């Protein structure tokens, strides 16, 4: 382009957007036939969609460390982990590392910003793709 004097006619190569990595740890808290769910309201990915109890961390945490954070942030102390798995999802500008846990409690506890939804209605709510797959995996038979 410089040799022919056409620098202004050709596009400038832009820097690639940096890929932000996020660790989203979701607890599907179930008590009997109800599940603890929240609708995402903030200006972030998946605004308006629903989610299970979320703990976002700056790096990958062990299940044991997440359990301690779960007790601190939810106030729920007596629970049983029924399932525990990890999954990744790539978005255009973010790489999401999911740690998904299915937790059963014997008594409902109100958690600020969340509500108890009947399992029969959870499938009717809109979730991000990975969480929708988890909902189908966990609650489709109930």
N, C-alpha and C. Protein backbone atom coordinates (compact mmCIF):
# COMPACT_ATOMS: atom_id res chain seq x y z
N UNK A 1 0.83 -1.19 0.00
CA UNK A 1 0.00 0.00 0.00
C UNK A 1 0.88 1.26 0.00
N UNK A 2 1.98 1.25 0.75
CA UNK A 2 2.85 2.41 0.83
C UNK A 2 3.53 2.67 -0.52
N UNK A 3 3.99 1.61 -1.18
CA UNK A 3 4.68 1.76 -2.45
C UNK A 3 3.77 2.31 -3.54
N UNK A 4 2.49 2.00 -3.46
CA UNK A 4 1.55 2.47 -4.50
C UNK A 4 0.76 3.69 -4.04
N UNK A 5 0.98 4.16 -2.81
CA UNK A 5 0.29 5.36 -2.32
C UNK A 5 -1.17 5.13 -1.98
N UNK A 6 -1.52 3.92 -1.60
CA UNK A 6 -2.93 3.60 -1.30
C UNK A 6 -3.16 3.28 0.17
N UNK A 7 -2.36 3.86 1.07
CA UNK A 7 -2.50 3.56 2.49
C UNK A 7 -3.90 3.89 3.02
N UNK A 8 -4.46 5.00 2.57
CA UNK A 8 -5.77 5.45 3.06
C UNK A 8 -6.92 4.60 2.54
N UNK A 9 -6.69 3.84 1.49
CA UNK A 9 -7.77 3.06 0.89
C UNK A 9 -7.94 1.67 1.52
N UNK A 10 -6.90 1.22 2.22
CA UNK A 10 -6.95 -0.12 2.80
C UNK A 10 -7.32 -0.06 4.28
N UNK A 11 -8.01 -1.07 4.75
CA UNK A 11 -8.41 -1.06 6.17
C UNK A 11 -7.20 -1.24 7.08
N UNK A 12 -7.31 -0.65 8.25
CA UNK A 12 -6.27 -0.78 9.26
C UNK A 12 -6.57 -2.01 10.09
N UNK A 13 -5.57 -2.81 10.33
CA UNK A 13 -5.75 -4.00 11.15
C UNK A 13 -5.93 -3.56 12.60
N UNK A 14 -7.08 -3.89 13.16
CA UNK A 14 -7.37 -3.52 14.54
C UNK A 14 -6.89 -4.60 15.49
N UNK A 15 -6.60 -4.19 16.72
CA UNK A 15 -6.20 -5.16 17.73
C UNK A 15 -7.40 -6.03 18.07
N UNK A 16 -7.11 -7.29 18.32
CA UNK A 16 -8.15 -8.22 18.72
C UNK A 16 -8.62 -7.88 20.12
N UNK A 17 -9.91 -7.95 20.33
CA UNK A 17 -10.45 -7.71 21.67
C UNK A 17 -9.95 -8.81 22.60
N UNK A 18 -9.55 -8.41 23.79
CA UNK A 18 -9.06 -9.41 24.74
C UNK A 18 -10.24 -10.24 25.25
N UNK A 19 -10.01 -11.51 25.36
CA UNK A 19 -11.03 -12.43 25.81
C UNK A 19 -11.04 -12.46 27.33
N UNK A 20 -12.15 -12.06 27.91
CA UNK A 20 -12.28 -12.04 29.37
C UNK A 20 -12.69 -13.43 29.83
N UNK A 21 -12.00 -13.94 30.85
CA UNK A 21 -12.32 -15.25 31.40
C UNK A 21 -13.10 -15.07 32.70
N UNK A 22 -14.21 -15.80 32.82
CA UNK A 22 -15.05 -15.70 34.01
C UNK A 22 -15.34 -17.08 34.56
N UNK A 23 -15.45 -17.16 35.88
CA UNK A 23 -15.80 -18.40 36.57
C UNK A 23 -17.14 -18.19 37.25
N UNK A 24 -18.17 -18.85 36.73
CA UNK A 24 -19.52 -18.75 37.27
C UNK A 24 -19.87 -20.09 37.92
N UNK A 25 -20.12 -20.03 39.21
CA UNK A 25 -20.41 -21.22 40.00
C UNK A 25 -21.89 -21.18 40.39
N UNK A 26 -22.65 -22.10 39.84
CA UNK A 26 -24.10 -22.11 40.05
C UNK A 26 -24.51 -23.25 40.97
N UNK A 27 -25.34 -22.92 41.95
CA UNK A 27 -25.91 -23.90 42.87
C UNK A 27 -27.40 -24.00 42.58
N UNK A 28 -27.84 -25.14 42.08
CA UNK A 28 -29.26 -25.39 41.87
C UNK A 28 -29.79 -25.93 43.19
N UNK A 29 -30.34 -25.03 44.01
CA UNK A 29 -30.80 -25.37 45.35
C UNK A 29 -32.24 -25.84 45.26
N UNK A 30 -32.48 -27.07 45.69
CA UNK A 30 -33.80 -27.66 45.61
C UNK A 30 -34.28 -28.06 47.00
N UNK A 31 -35.54 -27.71 47.28
CA UNK A 31 -36.20 -28.12 48.52
C UNK A 31 -37.53 -28.74 48.12
N UNK A 32 -37.64 -30.05 48.26
CA UNK A 32 -38.86 -30.73 47.82
C UNK A 32 -39.06 -30.53 46.34
N UNK A 33 -40.18 -29.91 45.98
CA UNK A 33 -40.49 -29.70 44.56
C UNK A 33 -40.26 -28.25 44.13
N UNK A 34 -39.45 -27.50 44.88
CA UNK A 34 -39.15 -26.11 44.53
C UNK A 34 -37.65 -25.89 44.35
N UNK A 35 -37.31 -24.91 43.50
CA UNK A 35 -35.92 -24.59 43.20
C UNK A 35 -35.71 -23.09 43.39
N UNK A 36 -34.55 -22.71 43.92
CA UNK A 36 -34.20 -21.31 44.16
C UNK A 36 -33.70 -20.68 42.86
N UNK A 37 -34.41 -19.67 42.36
CA UNK A 37 -34.11 -19.07 41.05
C UNK A 37 -34.12 -17.54 41.16
N UNK A 38 -33.32 -16.90 40.30
CA UNK A 38 -33.26 -15.44 40.22
C UNK A 38 -33.30 -15.02 38.75
N UNK A 39 -33.90 -13.87 38.49
CA UNK A 39 -33.85 -13.29 37.15
C UNK A 39 -32.71 -12.27 37.12
N UNK A 40 -31.85 -12.37 36.10
CA UNK A 40 -30.70 -11.46 35.97
C UNK A 40 -31.21 -10.09 35.52
N UNK A 41 -30.97 -9.07 36.33
CA UNK A 41 -31.46 -7.74 36.02
C UNK A 41 -30.36 -6.76 35.65
N UNK A 42 -29.13 -7.00 36.07
CA UNK A 42 -28.04 -6.06 35.84
C UNK A 42 -27.63 -5.97 34.38
N UNK A 43 -26.86 -4.94 34.05
CA UNK A 43 -26.34 -4.75 32.70
C UNK A 43 -25.13 -5.65 32.51
N UNK A 44 -25.38 -6.88 32.15
CA UNK A 44 -24.32 -7.86 31.98
C UNK A 44 -24.82 -8.89 30.97
N UNK A 45 -24.05 -9.91 30.74
CA UNK A 45 -24.50 -10.95 29.84
C UNK A 45 -25.80 -11.56 30.36
N UNK A 46 -26.61 -12.00 29.45
CA UNK A 46 -27.85 -12.71 29.75
C UNK A 46 -28.85 -11.89 30.57
N UNK A 47 -28.87 -10.57 30.38
CA UNK A 47 -29.82 -9.71 31.10
C UNK A 47 -31.24 -10.19 30.83
N UNK A 48 -32.02 -10.31 31.87
CA UNK A 48 -33.42 -10.71 31.76
C UNK A 48 -33.63 -12.22 31.83
N UNK A 49 -32.56 -13.00 31.67
CA UNK A 49 -32.69 -14.45 31.76
C UNK A 49 -32.62 -14.88 33.22
N UNK A 50 -32.93 -16.13 33.48
CA UNK A 50 -32.95 -16.65 34.84
C UNK A 50 -31.69 -17.44 35.15
N UNK A 51 -31.43 -17.62 36.44
CA UNK A 51 -30.26 -18.36 36.86
C UNK A 51 -30.49 -18.97 38.23
N UNK A 52 -29.68 -19.98 38.54
CA UNK A 52 -29.66 -20.57 39.88
C UNK A 52 -28.79 -19.68 40.76
N UNK A 53 -28.60 -20.06 42.01
CA UNK A 53 -27.81 -19.27 42.95
C UNK A 53 -26.38 -19.17 42.41
N UNK A 54 -25.91 -17.94 42.22
CA UNK A 54 -24.62 -17.69 41.57
C UNK A 54 -23.56 -17.18 42.55
N UNK A 55 -22.37 -17.76 42.42
CA UNK A 55 -21.18 -17.23 43.07
C UNK A 55 -20.13 -17.08 41.97
N UNK A 56 -19.79 -15.83 41.63
CA UNK A 56 -18.76 -15.61 40.62
C UNK A 56 -17.42 -15.43 41.32
N UNK A 57 -16.41 -16.14 40.81
CA UNK A 57 -15.08 -16.07 41.40
C UNK A 57 -14.07 -15.63 40.35
N UNK A 58 -12.89 -15.22 40.79
CA UNK A 58 -11.86 -14.74 39.88
C UNK A 58 -10.98 -15.85 39.34
N UNK A 59 -11.16 -17.06 39.87
CA UNK A 59 -10.41 -18.22 39.38
C UNK A 59 -11.21 -19.46 39.71
N UNK A 60 -10.72 -20.60 39.28
CA UNK A 60 -11.38 -21.87 39.56
C UNK A 60 -11.21 -22.21 41.05
N UNK A 61 -12.30 -22.63 41.69
CA UNK A 61 -12.28 -23.01 43.09
C UNK A 61 -12.65 -24.48 43.20
N UNK A 62 -12.15 -25.14 44.23
CA UNK A 62 -12.53 -26.52 44.50
C UNK A 62 -13.98 -26.54 45.00
N UNK A 63 -14.58 -27.71 44.93
CA UNK A 63 -15.95 -27.86 45.43
C UNK A 63 -16.02 -27.50 46.91
N UNK A 64 -15.01 -27.90 47.66
CA UNK A 64 -14.99 -27.63 49.10
C UNK A 64 -14.93 -26.12 49.37
N UNK A 65 -14.10 -25.40 48.64
CA UNK A 65 -14.00 -23.95 48.82
C UNK A 65 -15.31 -23.27 48.42
N UNK A 66 -15.93 -23.77 47.35
CA UNK A 66 -17.22 -23.20 46.92
C UNK A 66 -18.30 -23.45 47.97
N UNK A 67 -18.25 -24.58 48.62
CA UNK A 67 -19.23 -24.88 49.66
C UNK A 67 -19.13 -23.86 50.80
N UNK A 68 -17.92 -23.49 51.16
CA UNK A 68 -17.74 -22.49 52.21
C UNK A 68 -18.32 -21.14 51.78
N UNK A 69 -18.06 -20.75 50.53
CA UNK A 69 -18.62 -19.50 50.01
C UNK A 69 -20.15 -19.57 49.96
N UNK A 70 -20.67 -20.73 49.58
CA UNK A 70 -22.12 -20.92 49.49
C UNK A 70 -22.78 -20.70 50.86
N UNK A 71 -22.21 -21.27 51.90
CA UNK A 71 -22.75 -21.11 53.25
C UNK A 71 -22.69 -19.63 53.66
N UNK A 72 -21.57 -18.97 53.38
CA UNK A 72 -21.41 -17.55 53.74
C UNK A 72 -22.40 -16.66 53.01
N UNK A 73 -22.56 -16.89 51.70
CA UNK A 73 -23.37 -15.97 50.90
C UNK A 73 -24.86 -16.28 50.93
N UNK A 74 -25.23 -17.54 51.10
CA UNK A 74 -26.65 -17.90 51.08
C UNK A 74 -27.24 -18.01 52.48
N UNK A 75 -26.40 -18.33 53.46
CA UNK A 75 -26.89 -18.57 54.81
C UNK A 75 -27.45 -19.97 54.98
N UNK A 76 -27.38 -20.78 53.94
CA UNK A 76 -27.87 -22.16 53.98
C UNK A 76 -26.73 -23.05 54.49
N UNK A 77 -26.98 -23.71 55.62
CA UNK A 77 -25.92 -24.52 56.23
C UNK A 77 -26.11 -26.02 56.08
N UNK A 78 -27.35 -26.46 56.08
CA UNK A 78 -27.62 -27.89 55.99
C UNK A 78 -28.09 -28.23 54.59
N UNK A 79 -27.26 -28.95 53.86
CA UNK A 79 -27.58 -29.31 52.49
C UNK A 79 -26.79 -30.56 52.10
N UNK A 80 -27.21 -31.15 51.01
CA UNK A 80 -26.53 -32.32 50.45
C UNK A 80 -26.26 -32.05 48.97
N UNK A 81 -25.05 -32.32 48.52
CA UNK A 81 -24.72 -32.17 47.10
C UNK A 81 -25.13 -33.45 46.38
N UNK A 82 -26.02 -33.30 45.40
CA UNK A 82 -26.51 -34.45 44.64
C UNK A 82 -25.73 -34.64 43.34
N UNK A 83 -25.23 -33.55 42.77
CA UNK A 83 -24.48 -33.62 41.51
C UNK A 83 -23.52 -32.44 41.47
N UNK A 84 -22.42 -32.65 40.74
CA UNK A 84 -21.35 -31.66 40.67
C UNK A 84 -20.62 -31.87 39.35
N UNK A 85 -20.67 -30.89 38.45
CA UNK A 85 -19.97 -31.03 37.17
C UNK A 85 -19.53 -29.67 36.65
N UNK A 86 -18.63 -29.70 35.66
CA UNK A 86 -18.10 -28.47 35.08
C UNK A 86 -18.34 -28.45 33.58
N UNK A 87 -18.43 -27.24 33.04
CA UNK A 87 -18.66 -27.07 31.61
C UNK A 87 -18.10 -25.72 31.20
N UNK A 88 -17.75 -25.59 29.93
CA UNK A 88 -17.24 -24.31 29.41
C UNK A 88 -18.13 -23.84 28.27
N UNK A 89 -18.18 -22.52 28.11
CA UNK A 89 -18.93 -21.92 27.01
C UNK A 89 -18.15 -20.71 26.52
N UNK A 90 -17.97 -20.61 25.22
CA UNK A 90 -17.26 -19.47 24.64
C UNK A 90 -18.28 -18.50 24.06
N UNK A 91 -18.17 -17.26 24.47
CA UNK A 91 -18.95 -16.18 23.89
C UNK A 91 -17.99 -15.36 23.03
N UNK A 92 -18.50 -14.40 22.29
CA UNK A 92 -17.65 -13.62 21.39
C UNK A 92 -16.55 -12.87 22.13
N UNK A 93 -16.80 -12.43 23.34
CA UNK A 93 -15.84 -11.61 24.08
C UNK A 93 -15.51 -12.16 25.47
N UNK A 94 -16.07 -13.35 25.79
CA UNK A 94 -15.84 -13.93 27.10
C UNK A 94 -15.73 -15.44 27.01
N UNK A 95 -14.92 -15.98 27.88
CA UNK A 95 -14.83 -17.43 28.04
C UNK A 95 -15.39 -17.74 29.42
N UNK A 96 -16.45 -18.52 29.46
CA UNK A 96 -17.15 -18.80 30.71
C UNK A 96 -16.83 -20.23 31.16
N UNK A 97 -16.35 -20.34 32.39
CA UNK A 97 -16.10 -21.64 33.01
C UNK A 97 -17.20 -21.85 34.06
N UNK A 98 -18.05 -22.82 33.84
CA UNK A 98 -19.15 -23.10 34.75
C UNK A 98 -18.76 -24.21 35.72
N UNK A 99 -19.16 -24.05 36.97
CA UNK A 99 -19.11 -25.13 37.95
C UNK A 99 -20.54 -25.22 38.45
N UNK A 100 -21.19 -26.33 38.17
CA UNK A 100 -22.61 -26.49 38.46
C UNK A 100 -22.79 -27.53 39.56
N UNK A 101 -23.58 -27.17 40.55
CA UNK A 101 -23.84 -28.08 41.67
C UNK A 101 -25.34 -28.16 41.92
N UNK A 102 -25.84 -29.38 42.08
CA UNK A 102 -27.23 -29.59 42.44
C UNK A 102 -27.25 -29.89 43.93
N UNK A 103 -27.95 -29.05 44.68
CA UNK A 103 -27.95 -29.11 46.13
C UNK A 103 -29.38 -29.32 46.63
N UNK A 104 -29.53 -30.24 47.58
CA UNK A 104 -30.85 -30.47 48.18
C UNK A 104 -30.83 -29.99 49.62
N UNK A 105 -31.87 -29.24 50.00
CA UNK A 105 -32.03 -28.79 51.38
C UNK A 105 -33.36 -29.34 51.90
N UNK A 106 -33.47 -29.46 53.22
CA UNK A 106 -34.70 -29.99 53.80
C UNK A 106 -35.65 -28.88 54.24
N UNK A 107 -35.10 -27.67 54.42
CA UNK A 107 -35.93 -26.52 54.82
C UNK A 107 -35.64 -25.35 53.90
N UNK A 108 -36.69 -24.68 53.46
CA UNK A 108 -36.53 -23.50 52.62
C UNK A 108 -36.00 -22.34 53.45
N UNK A 109 -35.08 -21.62 52.86
CA UNK A 109 -34.57 -20.40 53.48
C UNK A 109 -34.70 -19.31 52.43
N UNK A 110 -35.23 -18.17 52.83
CA UNK A 110 -35.32 -17.06 51.90
C UNK A 110 -33.94 -16.46 51.69
N UNK A 111 -33.58 -16.28 50.43
CA UNK A 111 -32.29 -15.70 50.05
C UNK A 111 -32.59 -14.45 49.24
N UNK A 112 -32.01 -13.33 49.66
CA UNK A 112 -32.30 -12.05 49.02
C UNK A 112 -32.04 -12.09 47.52
N UNK A 113 -33.02 -11.63 46.75
CA UNK A 113 -32.89 -11.57 45.30
C UNK A 113 -33.32 -12.84 44.58
N UNK A 114 -33.62 -13.89 45.34
CA UNK A 114 -34.01 -15.19 44.76
C UNK A 114 -35.40 -15.55 45.22
N UNK A 115 -36.06 -16.41 44.45
CA UNK A 115 -37.38 -16.88 44.87
C UNK A 115 -37.48 -18.39 44.61
N UNK A 116 -38.35 -19.02 45.37
CA UNK A 116 -38.58 -20.45 45.21
C UNK A 116 -39.62 -20.65 44.12
N UNK A 117 -39.25 -21.42 43.11
CA UNK A 117 -40.11 -21.68 41.96
C UNK A 117 -40.39 -23.19 41.91
N UNK A 118 -41.64 -23.59 41.66
CA UNK A 118 -41.93 -25.03 41.52
C UNK A 118 -41.14 -25.63 40.35
N UNK A 119 -40.63 -26.83 40.55
CA UNK A 119 -39.85 -27.51 39.51
C UNK A 119 -40.66 -27.60 38.22
N UNK A 120 -41.97 -27.77 38.34
CA UNK A 120 -42.82 -27.90 37.15
C UNK A 120 -42.83 -26.62 36.31
N UNK A 121 -42.50 -25.48 36.91
CA UNK A 121 -42.50 -24.21 36.18
C UNK A 121 -41.10 -23.76 35.77
N UNK A 122 -40.08 -24.38 36.33
CA UNK A 122 -38.70 -23.97 36.02
C UNK A 122 -38.40 -24.15 34.54
N UNK A 123 -38.91 -25.21 33.94
CA UNK A 123 -38.68 -25.48 32.52
C UNK A 123 -39.30 -24.44 31.61
N UNK A 124 -40.24 -23.64 32.12
CA UNK A 124 -40.89 -22.61 31.32
C UNK A 124 -40.14 -21.28 31.35
N UNK A 125 -39.13 -21.17 32.21
CA UNK A 125 -38.35 -19.94 32.33
C UNK A 125 -37.23 -19.92 31.31
N UNK A 126 -36.78 -18.73 30.95
CA UNK A 126 -35.68 -18.58 30.00
C UNK A 126 -34.35 -18.54 30.75
N UNK A 127 -33.44 -19.42 30.35
CA UNK A 127 -32.11 -19.52 30.96
C UNK A 127 -31.06 -19.39 29.86
N UNK A 128 -29.83 -18.99 30.20
CA UNK A 128 -28.73 -19.09 29.24
C UNK A 128 -28.57 -20.56 28.82
N UNK A 129 -28.00 -20.78 27.66
CA UNK A 129 -27.93 -22.13 27.07
C UNK A 129 -27.40 -23.19 28.04
N UNK A 130 -26.27 -22.95 28.66
CA UNK A 130 -25.67 -23.96 29.55
C UNK A 130 -26.56 -24.24 30.75
N UNK A 131 -27.19 -23.20 31.29
CA UNK A 131 -28.08 -23.41 32.43
C UNK A 131 -29.37 -24.12 32.00
N UNK A 132 -29.81 -23.84 30.77
CA UNK A 132 -31.00 -24.54 30.25
C UNK A 132 -30.72 -26.03 30.14
N UNK A 133 -29.52 -26.37 29.68
CA UNK A 133 -29.12 -27.78 29.60
C UNK A 133 -29.10 -28.41 31.00
N UNK A 134 -28.61 -27.67 31.98
CA UNK A 134 -28.57 -28.17 33.36
C UNK A 134 -29.98 -28.37 33.90
N UNK A 135 -30.88 -27.43 33.64
CA UNK A 135 -32.27 -27.53 34.09
C UNK A 135 -32.91 -28.79 33.50
N UNK A 136 -32.69 -29.02 32.21
CA UNK A 136 -33.26 -30.21 31.56
C UNK A 136 -32.66 -31.48 32.16
N UNK A 137 -31.37 -31.45 32.42
CA UNK A 137 -30.68 -32.62 32.99
C UNK A 137 -31.19 -32.93 34.40
N UNK A 138 -31.41 -31.90 35.19
CA UNK A 138 -31.77 -32.08 36.60
C UNK A 138 -33.26 -32.27 36.85
N UNK A 139 -34.09 -31.55 36.10
CA UNK A 139 -35.51 -31.48 36.46
C UNK A 139 -36.48 -32.00 35.41
N UNK A 140 -36.01 -32.52 34.30
CA UNK A 140 -36.93 -32.96 33.25
C UNK A 140 -37.74 -34.20 33.68
N UNK A 141 -37.19 -35.02 34.55
CA UNK A 141 -37.90 -36.23 34.98
C UNK A 141 -38.89 -35.96 36.11
N UNK A 142 -38.77 -34.77 36.74
CA UNK A 142 -39.64 -34.48 37.90
C UNK A 142 -40.95 -33.86 37.48
